């Protein structure tokens, strides 16, 4: 067991039962020319978030901790999106933009495209696991829970974009399934005004898990 310095209190975790869940670190959300950038969302925080994710992922691989990438992703025909009968069709950002503006049709979060791919700095390596999802939460309609149980995982280290959307949705569902979630605050970036980041951090610290920093997480993982 190692101790992670976190809020509201330090947390002891078993690294042999821990996984890093990297949420939606895709060109769509973090790269110039990606979906967020094209529609005017602020991606200025992405550079430092990518760098912090790289530190955590590198330390995790060295420690033998499983790294799991979640990707927001749709098939080219959008058959896995829920269609017009689903609120996802109207509220999920990529789908909503493609439906509203013809010039974006087939451009955002489509499986196999550059927009859907993980940013170059964080590309998955052999031994990592990639799971595509069609909803904000990585647990909905995916194999994530089965994969975590297969590896006897109990503790989740969560990073990624957007803090207040897919990261928080995944973290909450993990909590409801009795995983122990730890959010790495400076390895996440929000969608919307700054208050959305602070709201998620408050929610997690008070109600759903623990909040830590990249420095403290890497220190716990590496023992340095």
C-alpha atoms as a PDB file:
ATOM      1  CA  UNK A   1       0.000   0.000   0.000  1.00  0.00           C
ATOM      2  CA  UNK A   2       1.117   3.559  -0.722  1.00  0.00           C
ATOM      3  CA  UNK A   3      -0.332   6.825   0.518  1.00  0.00           C
ATOM      4  CA  UNK A   4      -1.558   9.469  -1.929  1.00  0.00           C
ATOM      5  CA  UNK A   5      -1.624  12.998  -0.553  1.00  0.00           C
ATOM      6  CA  UNK A   6      -5.144  14.093  -1.441  1.00  0.00           C
ATOM      7  CA  UNK A   7      -8.179  16.067  -0.353  1.00  0.00           C
ATOM      8  CA  UNK A   8     -10.175  15.771   1.837  1.00  0.00           C
ATOM      9  CA  UNK A   9      -7.625  13.389   3.389  1.00  0.00           C
ATOM     10  CA  UNK A  10      -4.696  11.191   2.316  1.00  0.00           C
ATOM     11  CA  UNK A  11      -5.741   7.878   0.799  1.00  0.00           C
ATOM     12  CA  UNK A  12      -3.924   4.545   0.959  1.00  0.00           C
ATOM     13  CA  UNK A  13      -4.093   2.565  -2.288  1.00  0.00           C
ATOM     14  CA  UNK A  14      -2.793  -0.780  -3.484  1.00  0.00           C
ATOM     15  CA  UNK A  15      -0.871  -0.156  -6.708  1.00  0.00           C
ATOM     16  CA  UNK A  16      -1.422  -3.779  -7.733  1.00  0.00           C
ATOM     17  CA  UNK A  17      -5.153  -3.043  -7.754  1.00  0.00           C
ATOM     18  CA  UNK A  18      -4.985   0.382  -9.400  1.00  0.00           C
ATOM     19  CA  UNK A  19      -5.657   1.580 -12.949  1.00  0.00           C
ATOM     20  CA  UNK A  20      -5.170   4.939 -14.628  1.00  0.00           C
ATOM     21  CA  UNK A  21      -8.264   5.905 -16.614  1.00  0.00           C
ATOM     22  CA  UNK A  22      -7.388   8.529 -19.233  1.00  0.00           C
ATOM     23  CA  UNK A  23     -10.631  10.140 -20.358  1.00  0.00           C
ATOM     24  CA  UNK A  24     -10.980  11.570 -23.867  1.00  0.00           C
ATOM     25  CA  UNK A  25      -7.466  12.940 -24.352  1.00  0.00           C
ATOM     26  CA  UNK A  26      -8.319  13.223 -28.031  1.00  0.00           C
ATOM     27  CA  UNK A  27      -7.524  15.736 -30.752  1.00  0.00           C
ATOM     28  CA  UNK A  28     -11.196  16.726 -30.647  1.00  0.00           C
ATOM     29  CA  UNK A  29     -10.790  18.202 -27.182  1.00  0.00           C
ATOM     30  CA  UNK A  30      -7.108  19.110 -26.899  1.00  0.00           C
ATOM     31  CA  UNK A  31      -5.606  19.965 -30.304  1.00  0.00           C
ATOM     32  CA  UNK A  32      -5.642  22.958 -32.622  1.00  0.00           C
ATOM     33  CA  UNK A  33      -7.943  22.079 -35.503  1.00  0.00           C
ATOM     34  CA  UNK A  34      -9.943  19.659 -33.364  1.00  0.00           C
ATOM     35  CA  UNK A  35     -13.626  19.928 -32.552  1.00  0.00           C
ATOM     36  CA  UNK A  36     -13.355  22.190 -29.497  1.00  0.00           C
ATOM     37  CA  UNK A  37     -10.941  24.527 -31.257  1.00  0.00           C
ATOM     38  CA  UNK A  38     -13.046  24.768 -34.424  1.00  0.00           C
ATOM     39  CA  UNK A  39     -16.214  25.710 -32.574  1.00  0.00           C
ATOM     40  CA  UNK A  40     -14.556  28.270 -30.315  1.00  0.00           C
ATOM     41  CA  UNK A  41     -14.111  26.332 -27.074  1.00  0.00           C
ATOM     42  CA  UNK A  42     -11.091  27.389 -25.034  1.00  0.00           C
ATOM     43  CA  UNK A  43      -8.329  24.776 -25.305  1.00  0.00           C
ATOM     44  CA  UNK A  44      -5.571  26.951 -23.844  1.00  0.00           C
ATOM     45  CA  UNK A  45      -5.310  24.694 -20.809  1.00  0.00           C
ATOM     46  CA  UNK A  46      -4.750  21.554 -22.858  1.00  0.00           C
ATOM     47  CA  UNK A  47      -0.964  21.885 -23.179  1.00  0.00           C
ATOM     48  CA  UNK A  48      -0.276  21.588 -19.454  1.00  0.00           C
ATOM     49  CA  UNK A  49      -2.926  18.882 -19.074  1.00  0.00           C
ATOM     50  CA  UNK A  50      -1.226  16.815 -21.782  1.00  0.00           C
ATOM     51  CA  UNK A  51       2.153  17.249 -20.065  1.00  0.00           C
ATOM     52  CA  UNK A  52       0.731  16.194 -16.701  1.00  0.00           C
ATOM     53  CA  UNK A  53      -1.020  13.190 -18.213  1.00  0.00           C
ATOM     54  CA  UNK A  54       2.275  12.159 -19.767  1.00  0.00           C
ATOM     55  CA  UNK A  55       3.968  12.214 -16.354  1.00  0.00           C
ATOM     56  CA  UNK A  56       1.251  10.099 -14.767  1.00  0.00           C
ATOM     57  CA  UNK A  57       1.036   7.598 -17.632  1.00  0.00           C
ATOM     58  CA  UNK A  58       4.821   7.190 -17.767  1.00  0.00           C
ATOM     59  CA  UNK A  59       5.033   6.597 -14.013  1.00  0.00           C
ATOM     60  CA  UNK A  60       2.113   4.161 -14.150  1.00  0.00           C
ATOM     61  CA  UNK A  61       3.650   2.074 -16.924  1.00  0.00           C
ATOM     62  CA  UNK A  62       6.956   1.873 -15.054  1.00  0.00           C
ATOM     63  CA  UNK A  63       5.094   0.710 -11.938  1.00  0.00           C
ATOM     64  CA  UNK A  64       3.143  -1.924 -13.849  1.00  0.00           C
ATOM     65  CA  UNK A  65      -0.167  -0.099 -13.394  1.00  0.00           C
ATOM     66  CA  UNK A  66      -2.724  -0.713 -16.125  1.00  0.00           C
ATOM     67  CA  UNK A  67      -3.442   2.322 -18.325  1.00  0.00           C
ATOM     68  CA  UNK A  68      -6.912   2.504 -19.862  1.00  0.00           C
ATOM     69  CA  UNK A  69      -7.837   5.054 -22.520  1.00  0.00           C
ATOM     70  CA  UNK A  70     -11.462   6.063 -23.004  1.00  0.00           C
ATOM     71  CA  UNK A  71     -12.407   7.602 -26.347  1.00  0.00           C
ATOM     72  CA  UNK A  72     -15.627   9.429 -27.170  1.00  0.00           C
ATOM     73  CA  UNK A  73     -16.389   7.816 -30.518  1.00  0.00           C
ATOM     74  CA  UNK A  74     -19.126   7.247 -33.078  1.00  0.00           C
ATOM     75  CA  UNK A  75     -19.363   4.985 -36.101  1.00  0.00           C
ATOM     76  CA  UNK A  76     -19.507   6.829 -39.451  1.00  0.00           C
ATOM     77  CA  UNK A  77     -23.237   6.121 -39.778  1.00  0.00           C
ATOM     78  CA  UNK A  78     -23.841   7.300 -36.180  1.00  0.00           C
ATOM     79  CA  UNK A  79     -25.749   4.086 -35.500  1.00  0.00           C
ATOM     80  CA  UNK A  80     -24.287   3.916 -31.981  1.00  0.00           C
ATOM     81  CA  UNK A  81     -25.238   7.487 -31.069  1.00  0.00           C
ATOM     82  CA  UNK A  82     -28.814   6.825 -29.998  1.00  0.00           C
ATOM     83  CA  UNK A  83     -30.277   8.712 -32.945  1.00  0.00           C
ATOM     84  CA  UNK A  84     -32.996  11.384 -32.811  1.00  0.00           C
ATOM     85  CA  UNK A  85     -34.869   9.380 -30.187  1.00  0.00           C
ATOM     86  CA  UNK A  86     -32.059   9.897 -27.670  1.00  0.00           C
ATOM     87  CA  UNK A  87     -31.233  13.109 -25.784  1.00  0.00           C
ATOM     88  CA  UNK A  88     -27.597  12.291 -26.579  1.00  0.00           C
ATOM     89  CA  UNK A  89     -28.367  13.272 -30.193  1.00  0.00           C
ATOM     90  CA  UNK A  90     -29.140  16.833 -29.102  1.00  0.00           C
ATOM     91  CA  UNK A  91     -26.940  17.379 -26.043  1.00  0.00           C
ATOM     92  CA  UNK A  92     -23.601  15.641 -26.722  1.00  0.00           C
ATOM     93  CA  UNK A  93     -21.425  18.377 -28.169  1.00  0.00           C
ATOM     94  CA  UNK A  94     -20.060  16.601 -31.235  1.00  0.00           C
ATOM     95  CA  UNK A  95     -23.400  15.192 -32.310  1.00  0.00           C
ATOM     96  CA  UNK A  96     -25.190  18.476 -31.702  1.00  0.00           C
ATOM     97  CA  UNK A  97     -22.705  20.424 -33.807  1.00  0.00           C
ATOM     98  CA  UNK A  98     -22.783  17.899 -36.660  1.00  0.00           C
ATOM     99  CA  UNK A  99     -26.574  17.992 -36.658  1.00  0.00           C
ATOM    100  CA  UNK A 100     -26.785  21.785 -36.597  1.00  0.00           C
ATOM    101  CA  UNK A 101     -24.118  22.609 -39.177  1.00  0.00           C
ATOM    102  CA  UNK A 102     -23.826  20.647 -42.453  1.00  0.00           C
ATOM    103  CA  UNK A 103     -20.151  21.575 -42.813  1.00  0.00           C
ATOM    104  CA  UNK A 104     -19.370  19.518 -39.708  1.00  0.00           C
ATOM    105  CA  UNK A 105     -21.121  16.334 -40.867  1.00  0.00           C
ATOM    106  CA  UNK A 106     -18.848  13.329 -40.364  1.00  0.00           C
ATOM    107  CA  UNK A 107     -16.064  15.502 -38.950  1.00  0.00           C
ATOM    108  CA  UNK A 108     -16.243  15.155 -35.173  1.00  0.00           C
ATOM    109  CA  UNK A 109     -15.416  12.091 -33.048  1.00  0.00           C
ATOM    110  CA  UNK A 110     -15.893   9.624 -35.906  1.00  0.00           C
ATOM    111  CA  UNK A 111     -14.059   6.333 -35.415  1.00  0.00           C
ATOM    112  CA  UNK A 112     -10.769   6.197 -37.313  1.00  0.00           C
ATOM    113  CA  UNK A 113     -10.472   9.946 -37.910  1.00  0.00           C
ATOM    114  CA  UNK A 114      -7.764  12.307 -36.674  1.00  0.00           C
ATOM    115  CA  UNK A 115     -10.325  14.144 -34.541  1.00  0.00           C
ATOM    116  CA  UNK A 116     -11.167  10.941 -32.649  1.00  0.00           C
ATOM    117  CA  UNK A 117      -7.542   9.878 -32.119  1.00  0.00           C
ATOM    118  CA  UNK A 118      -5.558  10.273 -28.904  1.00  0.00           C
ATOM    119  CA  UNK A 119      -3.191  13.259 -29.026  1.00  0.00           C
ATOM    120  CA  UNK A 120       0.253  12.374 -30.345  1.00  0.00           C
ATOM    121  CA  UNK A 121       2.001  13.013 -27.024  1.00  0.00           C
ATOM    122  CA  UNK A 122      -0.083  10.371 -25.236  1.00  0.00           C
ATOM    123  CA  UNK A 123      -0.456   7.602 -27.808  1.00  0.00           C
ATOM    124  CA  UNK A 124      -1.406   4.217 -26.315  1.00  0.00           C
ATOM    125  CA  UNK A 125       1.393   1.663 -26.158  1.00  0.00           C
ATOM    126  CA  UNK A 126       1.321  -2.153 -26.241  1.00  0.00           C
ATOM    127  CA  UNK A 127      -0.255  -3.341 -23.011  1.00  0.00           C
ATOM    128  CA  UNK A 128      -2.527  -0.320 -22.687  1.00  0.00           C
ATOM    129  CA  UNK A 129      -6.270  -0.763 -23.175  1.00  0.00           C
ATOM    130  CA  UNK A 130      -8.434   1.430 -25.432  1.00  0.00           C
ATOM    131  CA  UNK A 131     -12.199   1.495 -24.893  1.00  0.00           C
ATOM    132  CA  UNK A 132     -14.541   3.480 -27.116  1.00  0.00           C
ATOM    133  CA  UNK A 133     -17.652   4.961 -25.543  1.00  0.00           C
ATOM    134  CA  UNK A 134     -20.779   6.609 -26.924  1.00  0.00           C
ATOM    135  CA  UNK A 135     -21.928   8.432 -23.799  1.00  0.00           C
ATOM    136  CA  UNK A 136     -20.250  10.737 -21.321  1.00  0.00           C
ATOM    137  CA  UNK A 137     -19.585   7.950 -18.818  1.00  0.00           C
ATOM    138  CA  UNK A 138     -16.990   5.338 -19.664  1.00  0.00           C
ATOM    139  CA  UNK A 139     -19.105   2.720 -17.906  1.00  0.00           C
ATOM    140  CA  UNK A 140     -22.232   3.111 -20.057  1.00  0.00           C
ATOM    141  CA  UNK A 141     -22.517   0.553 -22.836  1.00  0.00           C
ATOM    142  CA  UNK A 142     -18.832  -0.440 -22.676  1.00  0.00           C
ATOM    143  CA  UNK A 143     -16.607  -3.205 -21.323  1.00  0.00           C
ATOM    144  CA  UNK A 144     -14.903  -0.947 -18.767  1.00  0.00           C
ATOM    145  CA  UNK A 145     -16.395  -2.556 -15.661  1.00  0.00           C
ATOM    146  CA  UNK A 146     -15.604  -6.058 -16.949  1.00  0.00           C
ATOM    147  CA  UNK A 147     -12.030  -5.041 -17.801  1.00  0.00           C
ATOM    148  CA  UNK A 148     -11.471  -3.535 -14.351  1.00  0.00           C
ATOM    149  CA  UNK A 149     -12.845  -6.617 -12.652  1.00  0.00           C
ATOM    150  CA  UNK A 150     -10.688  -8.857 -14.860  1.00  0.00           C
ATOM    151  CA  UNK A 151      -7.587  -7.065 -13.552  1.00  0.00           C
ATOM    152  CA  UNK A 152      -8.962  -6.989  -9.982  1.00  0.00           C
ATOM    153  CA  UNK A 153      -8.873  -3.189  -9.950  1.00  0.00           C
ATOM    154  CA  UNK A 154     -10.246  -1.322  -6.953  1.00  0.00           C
ATOM    155  CA  UNK A 155      -8.676   2.145  -7.219  1.00  0.00           C
ATOM    156  CA  UNK A 156      -9.143   4.477 -10.206  1.00  0.00           C
ATOM    157  CA  UNK A 157      -6.825   7.365 -11.042  1.00  0.00           C
ATOM    158  CA  UNK A 158      -8.797   9.634 -13.374  1.00  0.00           C
ATOM    159  CA  UNK A 159      -7.428  12.248 -15.774  1.00  0.00           C
ATOM    160  CA  UNK A 160      -8.624  13.890 -18.969  1.00  0.00           C
ATOM    161  CA  UNK A 161     -11.089  16.217 -20.666  1.00  0.00           C
ATOM    162  CA  UNK A 162     -13.633  17.505 -19.878  1.00  0.00           C
ATOM    163  CA  UNK A 163     -13.446  17.534 -16.096  1.00  0.00           C
ATOM    164  CA  UNK A 164     -17.088  18.465 -15.625  1.00  0.00           C
ATOM    165  CA  UNK A 165     -18.518  16.221 -18.341  1.00  0.00           C
ATOM    166  CA  UNK A 166     -16.962  12.861 -19.224  1.00  0.00           C
ATOM    167  CA  UNK A 167     -14.417  12.733 -16.404  1.00  0.00           C
ATOM    168  CA  UNK A 168     -16.975  13.485 -13.709  1.00  0.00           C
ATOM    169  CA  UNK A 169     -19.588  11.202 -15.312  1.00  0.00           C
ATOM    170  CA  UNK A 170     -17.131   8.304 -15.384  1.00  0.00           C
ATOM    171  CA  UNK A 171     -15.930   9.016 -11.854  1.00  0.00           C
ATOM    172  CA  UNK A 172     -19.466   9.094 -10.464  1.00  0.00           C
ATOM    173  CA  UNK A 173     -20.399   5.814 -12.114  1.00  0.00           C
ATOM    174  CA  UNK A 174     -17.185   4.269 -10.795  1.00  0.00           C
ATOM    175  CA  UNK A 175     -18.079   5.425  -7.298  1.00  0.00           C
ATOM    176  CA  UNK A 176     -21.568   3.934  -7.641  1.00  0.00           C
ATOM    177  CA  UNK A 177     -19.918   0.617  -8.565  1.00  0.00           C
ATOM    178  CA  UNK A 178     -17.729   0.750  -5.427  1.00  0.00           C
ATOM    179  CA  UNK A 179     -14.463   1.712  -7.087  1.00  0.00           C
ATOM    180  CA  UNK A 180     -12.328   4.216  -5.185  1.00  0.00           C
ATOM    181  CA  UNK A 181     -11.866   7.219  -7.517  1.00  0.00           C
ATOM    182  CA  UNK A 182      -9.016   9.722  -7.338  1.00  0.00           C
ATOM    183  CA  UNK A 183      -9.223  12.775  -9.593  1.00  0.00           C
ATOM    184  CA  UNK A 184      -5.932  14.388 -10.609  1.00  0.00           C
ATOM    185  CA  UNK A 185      -7.009  18.018 -10.762  1.00  0.00           C
ATOM    186  CA  UNK A 186      -4.195  19.476 -12.855  1.00  0.00           C
ATOM    187  CA  UNK A 187      -4.350  16.566 -15.308  1.00  0.00           C
ATOM    188  CA  UNK A 188      -7.895  17.554 -16.274  1.00  0.00           C
ATOM    189  CA  UNK A 189      -9.434  20.458 -18.175  1.00  0.00           C
ATOM    190  CA  UNK A 190     -13.015  21.669 -18.102  1.00  0.00           C
ATOM    191  CA  UNK A 191     -15.551  22.651 -20.756  1.00  0.00           C
ATOM    192  CA  UNK A 192     -17.153  26.009 -20.055  1.00  0.00           C
ATOM    193  CA  UNK A 193     -16.348  28.750 -17.531  1.00  0.00           C
ATOM    194  CA  UNK A 194     -13.787  28.178 -14.751  1.00  0.00           C
ATOM    195  CA  UNK A 195     -16.525  27.612 -12.188  1.00  0.00           C
ATOM    196  CA  UNK A 196     -17.296  24.265 -13.842  1.00  0.00           C
ATOM    197  CA  UNK A 197     -13.828  22.968 -12.941  1.00  0.00           C
ATOM    198  CA  UNK A 198     -14.208  24.138  -9.368  1.00  0.00           C
ATOM    199  CA  UNK A 199     -17.676  22.616  -9.086  1.00  0.00           C
ATOM    200  CA  UNK A 200     -16.420  19.189 -10.122  1.00  0.00           C
ATOM    201  CA  UNK A 201     -13.464  19.359  -7.743  1.00  0.00           C
ATOM    202  CA  UNK A 202     -15.840  20.264  -4.913  1.00  0.00           C
ATOM    203  CA  UNK A 203     -18.247  17.466  -5.850  1.00  0.00           C
ATOM    204  CA  UNK A 204     -15.491  14.871  -5.909  1.00  0.00           C
ATOM    205  CA  UNK A 205     -13.736  16.004  -2.743  1.00  0.00           C
ATOM    206  CA  UNK A 206     -16.951  16.274  -0.747  1.00  0.00           C
ATOM    207  CA  UNK A 207     -19.083  13.476  -2.150  1.00  0.00           C
ATOM    208  CA  UNK A 208     -17.544  11.066  -4.640  1.00  0.00           C
ATOM    209  CA  UNK A 209     -13.836  10.519  -4.030  1.00  0.00           C
ATOM    210  CA  UNK A 210     -10.497  12.225  -3.590  1.00  0.00           C
ATOM    211  CA  UNK A 211      -8.653  15.018  -5.375  1.00  0.00           C
ATOM    212  CA  UNK A 212      -4.893  15.146  -5.822  1.00  0.00           C
ATOM    213  CA  UNK A 213      -2.203  16.732  -8.016  1.00  0.00           C
ATOM    214  CA  UNK A 214       0.095  15.307 -10.661  1.00  0.00           C
ATOM    215  CA  UNK A 215       3.100  15.846  -8.395  1.00  0.00           C
ATOM    216  CA  UNK A 216       1.570  13.952  -5.486  1.00  0.00           C
ATOM    217  CA  UNK A 217       0.216  11.168  -7.680  1.00  0.00           C
ATOM    218  CA  UNK A 218       3.537  10.578  -9.423  1.00  0.00           C
ATOM    219  CA  UNK A 219       5.293  10.627  -6.058  1.00  0.00           C
ATOM    220  CA  UNK A 220       2.948   7.953  -4.705  1.00  0.00           C
ATOM    221  CA  UNK A 221       3.248   5.782  -7.810  1.00  0.00           C
ATOM    222  CA  UNK A 222       7.023   6.013  -8.147  1.00  0.00           C
ATOM    223  CA  UNK A 223       7.893   6.076  -4.460  1.00  0.00           C
ATOM    224  CA  UNK A 224      10.039   9.169  -4.937  1.00  0.00           C
END
